[in-house]
C-alpha atoms as a PDB file:
ATOM      1  CA  MET A   1       0.000   0.000   0.000  1.00  0.00           C
ATOM      2  CA  LEU A   2       1.274   3.466  -0.864  1.00  0.00           C
ATOM      3  CA  GLU A   3       1.807   5.721   2.133  1.00  0.00           C
ATOM      4  CA  PRO A   4       1.847   9.504   1.768  1.00  0.00           C
ATOM      5  CA  THR A   5       5.223  11.089   2.520  1.00  0.00           C
ATOM      6  CA  ALA A   6       5.895  14.319   4.386  1.00  0.00           C
ATOM      7  CA  ALA A   7       6.400  16.072   1.034  1.00  0.00           C
ATOM      8  CA  TYR A   8       3.036  14.756  -0.170  1.00  0.00           C
ATOM      9  CA  ALA A   9       1.426  16.088   3.012  1.00  0.00           C
ATOM     10  CA  ARG A  10       2.917  19.552   2.372  1.00  0.00           C
ATOM     11  CA  PHE A  11       1.479  19.655  -1.134  1.00  0.00           C
ATOM     12  CA  GLU A  12      -1.887  18.412   0.125  1.00  0.00           C
ATOM     13  CA  LEU A  13      -1.948  21.125   2.812  1.00  0.00           C
ATOM     14  CA  ALA A  14      -0.945  23.818   0.317  1.00  0.00           C
ATOM     15  CA  GLU A  15      -3.711  22.704  -2.025  1.00  0.00           C
ATOM     16  CA  ARG A  16      -6.294  22.747   0.768  1.00  0.00           C
ATOM     17  CA  LEU A  17      -5.198  26.248   1.802  1.00  0.00           C
ATOM     18  CA  GLY A  18      -5.132  27.481  -1.789  1.00  0.00           C
ATOM     19  CA  THR A  19      -1.469  28.439  -1.697  1.00  0.00           C
ATOM     20  CA  THR A  20       1.891  27.071  -2.806  1.00  0.00           C
ATOM     21  CA  VAL A  21       4.390  25.001  -0.880  1.00  0.00           C
ATOM     22  CA  ARG A  22       6.885  27.864  -1.252  1.00  0.00           C
ATOM     23  CA  ALA A  23       4.465  30.249   0.471  1.00  0.00           C
ATOM     24  CA  LEU A  24       3.896  27.703   3.260  1.00  0.00           C
ATOM     25  CA  LEU A  25       7.594  27.152   3.896  1.00  0.00           C
ATOM     26  CA  SER A  26       9.009  30.633   3.331  1.00  0.00           C
ATOM     27  CA  GLY A  27       6.057  32.968   3.595  1.00  0.00           C
ATOM     28  CA  GLN A  28       7.080  34.386   0.209  1.00  0.00           C
ATOM     29  CA  PRO A  29       4.366  33.942  -2.439  1.00  0.00           C
ATOM     30  CA  GLY A  30       5.377  34.125  -6.057  1.00  0.00           C
ATOM     31  CA  PRO A  31       4.803  32.627  -9.479  1.00  0.00           C
ATOM     32  CA  LEU A  32       5.513  28.926  -9.884  1.00  0.00           C
ATOM     33  CA  THR A  33       8.903  27.998 -11.266  1.00  0.00           C
ATOM     34  CA  ALA A  34       9.253  25.174 -13.774  1.00  0.00           C
ATOM     35  CA  MET A  35      10.475  22.882 -10.968  1.00  0.00           C
ATOM     36  CA  GLU A  36       7.500  23.725  -8.761  1.00  0.00           C
ATOM     37  CA  GLU A  37       5.116  23.024 -11.644  1.00  0.00           C
ATOM     38  CA  TYR A  38       6.850  19.676 -12.177  1.00  0.00           C
ATOM     39  CA  LEU A  39       6.520  18.829  -8.471  1.00  0.00           C
ATOM     40  CA  TRP A  40       2.816  19.730  -8.494  1.00  0.00           C
ATOM     41  CA  GLN A  41       2.328  17.384 -11.453  1.00  0.00           C
ATOM     42  CA  ARG A  42       4.067  14.614  -9.493  1.00  0.00           C
ATOM     43  CA  PHE A  43       1.852  15.324  -6.476  1.00  0.00           C
ATOM     44  CA  TRP A  44      -1.321  15.057  -8.561  1.00  0.00           C
ATOM     45  CA  ALA A  45      -0.076  11.812 -10.147  1.00  0.00           C
ATOM     46  CA  ALA A  46       0.777  10.347  -6.721  1.00  0.00           C
ATOM     47  CA  ARG A  47      -2.639  11.323  -5.386  1.00  0.00           C
ATOM     48  CA  ALA A  48      -4.296   9.599  -8.356  1.00  0.00           C
ATOM     49  CA  ARG A  49      -2.212   6.433  -7.768  1.00  0.00           C
ATOM     50  CA  ILE A  50      -3.130   6.364  -4.073  1.00  0.00           C
ATOM     51  CA  ALA A  51      -6.823   6.865  -4.875  1.00  0.00           C
ATOM     52  CA  GLN A  52      -6.706   4.101  -7.508  1.00  0.00           C
ATOM     53  CA  GLN A  53      -4.957   1.752  -5.112  1.00  0.00           C
ATOM     54  CA  ASN A  54      -7.476   2.482  -2.364  1.00  0.00           C
ATOM     55  CA  ARG A  55     -10.323   1.664  -4.766  1.00  0.00           C
ATOM     56  CA  THR A  56      -8.790  -1.663  -5.795  1.00  0.00           C
ATOM     57  CA  ILE A  57      -7.777  -2.936  -2.341  1.00  0.00           C
ATOM     58  CA  LYS A  58     -10.592  -4.790  -0.634  1.00  0.00           C
ATOM     59  CA  PRO A  59     -10.749  -5.317   3.120  1.00  0.00           C
ATOM     60  CA  SER A  60      -9.720  -8.811   4.193  1.00  0.00           C
ATOM     61  CA  GLY A  61     -12.534 -11.301   3.969  1.00  0.00           C
ATOM     62  CA  GLN A  62     -14.177  -9.656   0.933  1.00  0.00           C
ATOM     63  CA  ARG A  63     -13.920 -10.941  -2.615  1.00  0.00           C
END
């Protein structure tokens, strides 16, 4: 089972708050850099994988 990492949790919190990880960590908002955009894409892909895995794993005893 995939477990969210601390980095994943930071991105999830930033998304919930409607801000960026940079603003959370440094207090300095600004436009996304290419690297930040790449990391957001990875976050969204990881979230999709976790959601897919959670849909396909059945509790023990179920078929």
